[in-house]
Amino acid sequence: MTADSLAQVKMGTEALALCIAGVLCERDPSLLPAFQESVELLYHVLDDRGDHDAAAMIAAFGRALADPAFKRPSN
């Protein structure tokens, strides 16, 4: 695998992990503060290593967690 392919696999894995965590927070809102802390930490790690596109994606996802417009409507 090339370095670019490995980077894409890593980013895909991180995105999948974030999706799973988002569903968990939806099911148990008490997990949200810890998840937001992890999102902030991941943002800083990505930004510090110069991966600004991935950091921007993480930041957008973190903002979406707190935005009611992105919440699934309740039944």
PDB file of N, CA and C in Angstrom:
ATOM      1  N   MET A   1       0.842  -1.187   0.000  1.00  0.00           N
ATOM      2  CA  MET A   1       0.000   0.000   0.000  1.00  0.00           C
ATOM      3  C   MET A   1       0.880   1.240   0.000  1.00  0.00           C
ATOM      4  N   THR A   2       0.416   2.236  -0.711  1.00  0.00           N
ATOM      5  CA  THR A   2       1.156   3.489  -0.732  1.00  0.00           C
ATOM      6  C   THR A   2       0.836   4.287   0.534  1.00  0.00           C
ATOM      7  N   ALA A   3       1.636   5.293   0.771  1.00  0.00           N
ATOM      8  CA  ALA A   3       1.424   6.143   1.952  1.00  0.00           C
ATOM      9  C   ALA A   3       0.069   6.838   1.880  1.00  0.00           C
ATOM     10  N   ASP A   4      -0.321   7.254   0.659  1.00  0.00           N
ATOM     11  CA  ASP A   4      -1.628   7.904   0.506  1.00  0.00           C
ATOM     12  C   ASP A   4      -2.761   6.939   0.824  1.00  0.00           C
ATOM     13  N   SER A   5      -2.638   5.681   0.387  1.00  0.00           N
ATOM     14  CA  SER A   5      -3.671   4.683   0.680  1.00  0.00           C
ATOM     15  C   SER A   5      -3.768   4.420   2.173  1.00  0.00           C
ATOM     16  N   LEU A   6      -2.625   4.319   2.828  1.00  0.00           N
ATOM     17  CA  LEU A   6      -2.629   4.107   4.281  1.00  0.00           C
ATOM     18  C   LEU A   6      -3.270   5.280   5.004  1.00  0.00           C
ATOM     19  N   ALA A   7      -3.001   6.480   4.550  1.00  0.00           N
ATOM     20  CA  ALA A   7      -3.591   7.668   5.170  1.00  0.00           C
ATOM     21  C   ALA A   7      -5.110   7.655   4.990  1.00  0.00           C
ATOM     22  N   GLN A   8      -5.573   7.228   3.815  1.00  0.00           N
ATOM     23  CA  GLN A   8      -7.011   7.165   3.573  1.00  0.00           C
ATOM     24  C   GLN A   8      -7.664   6.097   4.443  1.00  0.00           C
ATOM     25  N   VAL A   9      -7.005   4.971   4.609  1.00  0.00           N
ATOM     26  CA  VAL A   9      -7.538   3.914   5.474  1.00  0.00           C
ATOM     27  C   VAL A   9      -7.613   4.413   6.909  1.00  0.00           C
ATOM     28  N   LYS A  10      -6.570   5.097   7.359  1.00  0.00           N
ATOM     29  CA  LYS A  10      -6.562   5.618   8.723  1.00  0.00           C
ATOM     30  C   LYS A  10      -7.672   6.634   8.926  1.00  0.00           C
ATOM     31  N   MET A  11      -7.850   7.548   7.969  1.00  0.00           N
ATOM     32  CA  MET A  11      -8.895   8.556   8.108  1.00  0.00           C
ATOM     33  C   MET A  11     -10.273   7.891   8.080  1.00  0.00           C
ATOM     34  N   GLY A  12     -10.454   6.888   7.242  1.00  0.00           N
ATOM     35  CA  GLY A  12     -11.721   6.172   7.196  1.00  0.00           C
ATOM     36  C   GLY A  12     -12.023   5.469   8.503  1.00  0.00           C
ATOM     37  N   THR A  13     -10.989   4.900   9.105  1.00  0.00           N
ATOM     38  CA  THR A  13     -11.153   4.228  10.398  1.00  0.00           C
ATOM     39  C   THR A  13     -11.534   5.236  11.474  1.00  0.00           C
ATOM     40  N   GLU A  14     -10.877   6.386  11.466  1.00  0.00           N
ATOM     41  CA  GLU A  14     -11.217   7.436  12.434  1.00  0.00           C
ATOM     42  C   GLU A  14     -12.651   7.912  12.235  1.00  0.00           C
ATOM     43  N   ALA A  15     -13.066   8.069  10.981  1.00  0.00           N
ATOM     44  CA  ALA A  15     -14.428   8.522  10.698  1.00  0.00           C
ATOM     45  C   ALA A  15     -15.454   7.496  11.170  1.00  0.00           C
ATOM     46  N   LEU A  16     -15.166   6.222  10.943  1.00  0.00           N
ATOM     47  CA  LEU A  16     -16.069   5.170  11.399  1.00  0.00           C
ATOM     48  C   LEU A  16     -16.184   5.181  12.918  1.00  0.00           C
ATOM     49  N   ALA A  17     -15.061   5.349  13.589  1.00  0.00           N
ATOM     50  CA  ALA A  17     -15.076   5.410  15.051  1.00  0.00           C
ATOM     51  C   ALA A  17     -15.907   6.598  15.532  1.00  0.00           C
ATOM     52  N   LEU A  18     -15.806   7.730  14.843  1.00  0.00           N
ATOM     53  CA  LEU A  18     -16.587   8.893  15.229  1.00  0.00           C
ATOM     54  C   LEU A  18     -18.081   8.653  15.007  1.00  0.00           C
ATOM     55  N   CYS A  19     -18.421   7.964  13.932  1.00  0.00           N
ATOM     56  CA  CYS A  19     -19.838   7.656  13.674  1.00  0.00           C
ATOM     57  C   CYS A  19     -20.405   6.751  14.765  1.00  0.00           C
ATOM     58  N   ILE A  20     -19.642   5.764  15.142  1.00  0.00           N
ATOM     59  CA  ILE A  20     -20.092   4.851  16.202  1.00  0.00           C
ATOM     60  C   ILE A  20     -20.263   5.622  17.505  1.00  0.00           C
ATOM     61  N   ALA A  21     -19.295   6.470  17.818  1.00  0.00           N
ATOM     62  CA  ALA A  21     -19.387   7.264  19.046  1.00  0.00           C
ATOM     63  C   ALA A  21     -20.590   8.205  18.997  1.00  0.00           C
ATOM     64  N   GLY A  22     -20.877   8.751  17.833  1.00  0.00           N
ATOM     65  CA  GLY A  22     -22.038   9.628  17.702  1.00  0.00           C
ATOM     66  C   GLY A  22     -23.341   8.903  18.000  1.00  0.00           C
ATOM     67  N   VAL A  23     -23.464   7.672  17.510  1.00  0.00           N
ATOM     68  CA  VAL A  23     -24.660   6.876  17.785  1.00  0.00           C
ATOM     69  C   VAL A  23     -24.754   6.555  19.272  1.00  0.00           C
ATOM     70  N   LEU A  24     -23.626   6.229  19.881  1.00  0.00           N
ATOM     71  CA  LEU A  24     -23.625   5.941  21.317  1.00  0.00           C
ATOM     72  C   LEU A  24     -24.087   7.155  22.119  1.00  0.00           C
ATOM     73  N   CYS A  25     -23.627   8.347  21.724  1.00  0.00           N
ATOM     74  CA  CYS A  25     -24.028   9.567  22.419  1.00  0.00           C
ATOM     75  C   CYS A  25     -25.506   9.855  22.215  1.00  0.00           C
ATOM     76  N   GLU A  26     -26.004   9.498  21.051  1.00  0.00           N
ATOM     77  CA  GLU A  26     -27.431   9.665  20.789  1.00  0.00           C
ATOM     78  C   GLU A  26     -28.251   8.777  21.720  1.00  0.00           C
ATOM     79  N   ARG A  27     -27.776   7.571  21.934  1.00  0.00           N
ATOM     80  CA  ARG A  27     -28.495   6.613  22.778  1.00  0.00           C
ATOM     81  C   ARG A  27     -28.353   6.940  24.267  1.00  0.00           C
ATOM     82  N   ASP A  28     -27.177   7.471  24.659  1.00  0.00           N
ATOM     83  CA  ASP A  28     -26.915   7.802  26.060  1.00  0.00           C
ATOM     84  C   ASP A  28     -26.257   9.184  26.123  1.00  0.00           C
ATOM     85  N   PRO A  29     -27.053  10.246  26.233  1.00  0.00           N
ATOM     86  CA  PRO A  29     -26.518  11.610  26.213  1.00  0.00           C
ATOM     87  C   PRO A  29     -25.472  11.906  27.298  1.00  0.00           C
ATOM     88  N   SER A  30     -25.420  11.090  28.345  1.00  0.00           N
ATOM     89  CA  SER A  30     -24.414  11.325  29.381  1.00  0.00           C
ATOM     90  C   SER A  30     -22.994  11.090  28.858  1.00  0.00           C
ATOM     91  N   LEU A  31     -22.854  10.432  27.714  1.00  0.00           N
ATOM     92  CA  LEU A  31     -21.543  10.192  27.112  1.00  0.00           C
ATOM     93  C   LEU A  31     -21.022  11.410  26.337  1.00  0.00           C
ATOM     94  N   LEU A  32     -21.913  12.353  26.044  1.00  0.00           N
ATOM     95  CA  LEU A  32     -21.560  13.480  25.188  1.00  0.00           C
ATOM     96  C   LEU A  32     -20.372  14.301  25.691  1.00  0.00           C
ATOM     97  N   PRO A  33     -20.301  14.691  26.978  1.00  0.00           N
ATOM     98  CA  PRO A  33     -19.144  15.495  27.411  1.00  0.00           C
ATOM     99  C   PRO A  33     -17.796  14.788  27.196  1.00  0.00           C
ATOM    100  N   ALA A  34     -17.731  13.511  27.489  1.00  0.00           N
ATOM    101  CA  ALA A  34     -16.476  12.782  27.283  1.00  0.00           C
ATOM    102  C   ALA A  34     -16.148  12.686  25.798  1.00  0.00           C
ATOM    103  N   PHE A  35     -17.180  12.492  24.987  1.00  0.00           N
ATOM    104  CA  PHE A  35     -16.960  12.400  23.553  1.00  0.00           C
ATOM    105  C   PHE A  35     -16.479  13.740  23.004  1.00  0.00           C
ATOM    106  N   GLN A  36     -17.076  14.852  23.448  1.00  0.00           N
ATOM    107  CA  GLN A  36     -16.646  16.168  22.988  1.00  0.00           C
ATOM    108  C   GLN A  36     -15.191  16.446  23.379  1.00  0.00           C
ATOM    109  N   GLU A  37     -14.802  15.990  24.543  1.00  0.00           N
ATOM    110  CA  GLU A  37     -13.405  16.139  24.975  1.00  0.00           C
ATOM    111  C   GLU A  37     -12.471  15.361  24.046  1.00  0.00           C
ATOM    112  N   SER A  38     -12.882  14.158  23.673  1.00  0.00           N
ATOM    113  CA  SER A  38     -12.073  13.337  22.763  1.00  0.00           C
ATOM    114  C   SER A  38     -11.983  13.966  21.377  1.00  0.00           C
ATOM    115  N   VAL A  39     -13.081  14.556  20.925  1.00  0.00           N
ATOM    116  CA  VAL A  39     -13.084  15.234  19.622  1.00  0.00           C
ATOM    117  C   VAL A  39     -12.105  16.406  19.655  1.00  0.00           C
ATOM    118  N   GLU A  40     -12.132  17.165  20.744  1.00  0.00           N
ATOM    119  CA  GLU A  40     -11.215  18.299  20.861  1.00  0.00           C
ATOM    120  C   GLU A  40      -9.753  17.837  20.870  1.00  0.00           C
ATOM    121  N   LEU A  41      -9.486  16.763  21.600  1.00  0.00           N
ATOM    122  CA  LEU A  41      -8.132  16.219  21.646  1.00  0.00           C
ATOM    123  C   LEU A  41      -7.682  15.752  20.266  1.00  0.00           C
ATOM    124  N   LEU A  42      -8.547  15.024  19.566  1.00  0.00           N
ATOM    125  CA  LEU A  42      -8.211  14.543  18.224  1.00  0.00           C
ATOM    126  C   LEU A  42      -7.993  15.710  17.274  1.00  0.00           C
ATOM    127  N   TYR A  43      -8.809  16.751  17.407  1.00  0.00           N
ATOM    128  CA  TYR A  43      -8.630  17.940  16.583  1.00  0.00           C
ATOM    129  C   TYR A  43      -7.226  18.515  16.767  1.00  0.00           C
ATOM    130  N   HIS A  44      -6.803  18.667  18.020  1.00  0.00           N
ATOM    131  CA  HIS A  44      -5.482  19.245  18.294  1.00  0.00           C
ATOM    132  C   HIS A  44      -4.361  18.346  17.773  1.00  0.00           C
ATOM    133  N   VAL A  45      -4.512  17.044  17.906  1.00  0.00           N
ATOM    134  CA  VAL A  45      -3.485  16.124  17.400  1.00  0.00           C
ATOM    135  C   VAL A  45      -3.354  16.267  15.885  1.00  0.00           C
ATOM    136  N   LEU A  46      -4.484  16.253  15.186  1.00  0.00           N
ATOM    137  CA  LEU A  46      -4.459  16.367  13.729  1.00  0.00           C
ATOM    138  C   LEU A  46      -3.920  17.718  13.287  1.00  0.00           C
ATOM    139  N   ASP A  47      -4.343  18.775  13.950  1.00  0.00           N
ATOM    140  CA  ASP A  47      -3.889  20.114  13.586  1.00  0.00           C
ATOM    141  C   ASP A  47      -2.396  20.276  13.844  1.00  0.00           C
ATOM    142  N   ASP A  48      -1.919  19.743  14.962  1.00  0.00           N
ATOM    143  CA  ASP A  48      -0.498  19.847  15.298  1.00  0.00           C
ATOM    144  C   ASP A  48       0.391  19.091  14.315  1.00  0.00           C
ATOM    145  N   ARG A  49      -0.121  17.980  13.774  1.00  0.00           N
ATOM    146  CA  ARG A  49       0.697  17.231  12.817  1.00  0.00           C
ATOM    147  C   ARG A  49       0.550  17.758  11.387  1.00  0.00           C
ATOM    148  N   GLY A  50      -0.247  18.822  11.235  1.00  0.00           N
ATOM    149  CA  GLY A  50      -0.361  19.474   9.936  1.00  0.00           C
ATOM    150  C   GLY A  50      -1.457  18.932   9.045  1.00  0.00           C
ATOM    151  N   ASP A  51      -2.283  18.059   9.553  1.00  0.00           N
ATOM    152  CA  ASP A  51      -3.371  17.492   8.763  1.00  0.00           C
ATOM    153  C   ASP A  51      -4.617  18.358   8.973  1.00  0.00           C
ATOM    154  N   HIS A  52      -4.582  19.539   8.359  1.00  0.00           N
ATOM    155  CA  HIS A  52      -5.615  20.539   8.600  1.00  0.00           C
ATOM    156  C   HIS A  52      -6.979  20.136   8.031  1.00  0.00           C
ATOM    157  N   ASP A  53      -6.985  19.394   6.927  1.00  0.00           N
ATOM    158  CA  ASP A  53      -8.260  18.948   6.360  1.00  0.00           C
ATOM    159  C   ASP A  53      -8.971  17.987   7.310  1.00  0.00           C
ATOM    160  N   ALA A  54      -8.231  17.039   7.859  1.00  0.00           N
ATOM    161  CA  ALA A  54      -8.823  16.092   8.807  1.00  0.00           C
ATOM    162  C   ALA A  54      -9.242  16.816  10.087  1.00  0.00           C
ATOM    163  N   ALA A  55      -8.437  17.773  10.530  1.00  0.00           N
ATOM    164  CA  ALA A  55      -8.780  18.544  11.729  1.00  0.00           C
ATOM    165  C   ALA A  55     -10.075  19.329  11.504  1.00  0.00           C
ATOM    166  N   ALA A  56     -10.233  19.888  10.315  1.00  0.00           N
ATOM    167  CA  ALA A  56     -11.461  20.632  10.007  1.00  0.00           C
ATOM    168  C   ALA A  56     -12.671  19.700  10.010  1.00  0.00           C
ATOM    169  N   MET A  57     -12.495  18.479   9.493  1.00  0.00           N
ATOM    170  CA  MET A  57     -13.586  17.509   9.491  1.00  0.00           C
ATOM    171  C   MET A  57     -13.984  17.160  10.923  1.00  0.00           C
ATOM    172  N   ILE A  58     -13.003  16.945  11.779  1.00  0.00           N
ATOM    173  CA  ILE A  58     -13.269  16.606  13.178  1.00  0.00           C
ATOM    174  C   ILE A  58     -13.957  17.779  13.875  1.00  0.00           C
ATOM    175  N   ALA A  59     -13.498  18.986  13.615  1.00  0.00           N
ATOM    176  CA  ALA A  59     -14.106  20.167  14.233  1.00  0.00           C
ATOM    177  C   ALA A  59     -15.571  20.309  13.806  1.00  0.00           C
ATOM    178  N   ALA A  60     -15.839  20.076  12.530  1.00  0.00           N
ATOM    179  CA  ALA A  60     -17.217  20.165  12.039  1.00  0.00           C
ATOM    180  C   ALA A  60     -18.094  19.108  12.699  1.00  0.00           C
ATOM    181  N   PHE A  61     -17.562  17.915  12.861  1.00  0.00           N
ATOM    182  CA  PHE A  61     -18.320  16.855  13.503  1.00  0.00           C
ATOM    183  C   PHE A  61     -18.598  17.210  14.963  1.00  0.00           C
ATOM    184  N   GLY A  62     -17.608  17.764  15.643  1.00  0.00           N
ATOM    185  CA  GLY A  62     -17.790  18.175  17.035  1.00  0.00           C
ATOM    186  C   GLY A  62     -18.859  19.252  17.173  1.00  0.00           C
ATOM    187  N   ARG A  63     -18.869  20.204  16.235  1.00  0.00           N
ATOM    188  CA  ARG A  63     -19.909  21.240  16.262  1.00  0.00           C
ATOM    189  C   ARG A  63     -21.283  20.632  15.986  1.00  0.00           C
ATOM    190  N   ALA A  64     -21.333  19.661  15.097  1.00  0.00           N
ATOM    191  CA  ALA A  64     -22.610  19.029  14.752  1.00  0.00           C
ATOM    192  C   ALA A  64     -23.216  18.305  15.950  1.00  0.00           C
ATOM    193  N   LEU A  65     -22.375  17.787  16.832  1.00  0.00           N
ATOM    194  CA  LEU A  65     -22.895  17.102  18.017  1.00  0.00           C
ATOM    195  C   LEU A  65     -23.719  18.025  18.901  1.00  0.00           C
ATOM    196  N   ALA A  66     -23.336  19.299  18.931  1.00  0.00           N
ATOM    197  CA  ALA A  66     -24.016  20.252  19.811  1.00  0.00           C
ATOM    198  C   ALA A  66     -25.142  21.003  19.091  1.00  0.00           C
ATOM    199  N   ASP A  67     -25.249  20.856  17.778  1.00  0.00           N
ATOM    200  CA  ASP A  67     -26.243  21.578  17.001  1.00  0.00           C
ATOM    201  C   ASP A  67     -27.525  20.761  16.881  1.00  0.00           C
ATOM    202  N   PRO A  68     -28.639  21.283  17.417  1.00  0.00           N
ATOM    203  CA  PRO A  68     -29.894  20.522  17.365  1.00  0.00           C
ATOM    204  C   PRO A  68     -30.386  20.244  15.946  1.00  0.00           C
ATOM    205  N   ALA A  69     -29.957  21.032  14.983  1.00  0.00           N
ATOM    206  CA  ALA A  69     -30.384  20.816  13.600  1.00  0.00           C
ATOM    207  C   ALA A  69     -29.870  19.486  13.047  1.00  0.00           C
ATOM    208  N   PHE A  70     -28.798  18.963  13.614  1.00  0.00           N
ATOM    209  CA  PHE A  70     -28.221  17.710  13.146  1.00  0.00           C
ATOM    210  C   PHE A  70     -28.750  16.486  13.896  1.00  0.00           C
ATOM    211  N   LYS A  71     -29.591  16.716  14.875  1.00  0.00           N
ATOM    212  CA  LYS A  71     -30.133  15.609  15.660  1.00  0.00           C
ATOM    213  C   LYS A  71     -31.237  14.912  14.864  1.00  0.00           C
ATOM    214  N   ARG A  72     -31.310  13.610  15.019  1.00  0.00           N
ATOM    215  CA  ARG A  72     -32.372  12.853  14.378  1.00  0.00           C
ATOM    216  C   ARG A  72     -33.688  13.198  15.077  1.00  0.00           C
ATOM    217  N   PRO A  73     -34.762  13.423  14.312  1.00  0.00           N
ATOM    218  CA  PRO A  73     -36.042  13.729  14.967  1.00  0.00           C
ATOM    219  C   PRO A  73     -36.526  12.554  15.804  1.00  0.00           C
ATOM    220  N   SER A  74     -37.085  12.866  16.960  1.00  0.00           N
ATOM    221  CA  SER A  74     -37.600  11.797  17.815  1.00  0.00           C
ATOM    222  C   SER A  74     -38.951  11.335  17.280  1.00  0.00           C
ATOM    223  N   ASN A  75     -39.258  10.089  17.537  1.00  0.00           N
ATOM    224  CA  ASN A  75     -40.527   9.517  17.043  1.00  0.00           C
ATOM    225  C   ASN A  75     -41.659   9.812  17.971  1.00  0.00           C
TER     226      ASN A  75
END
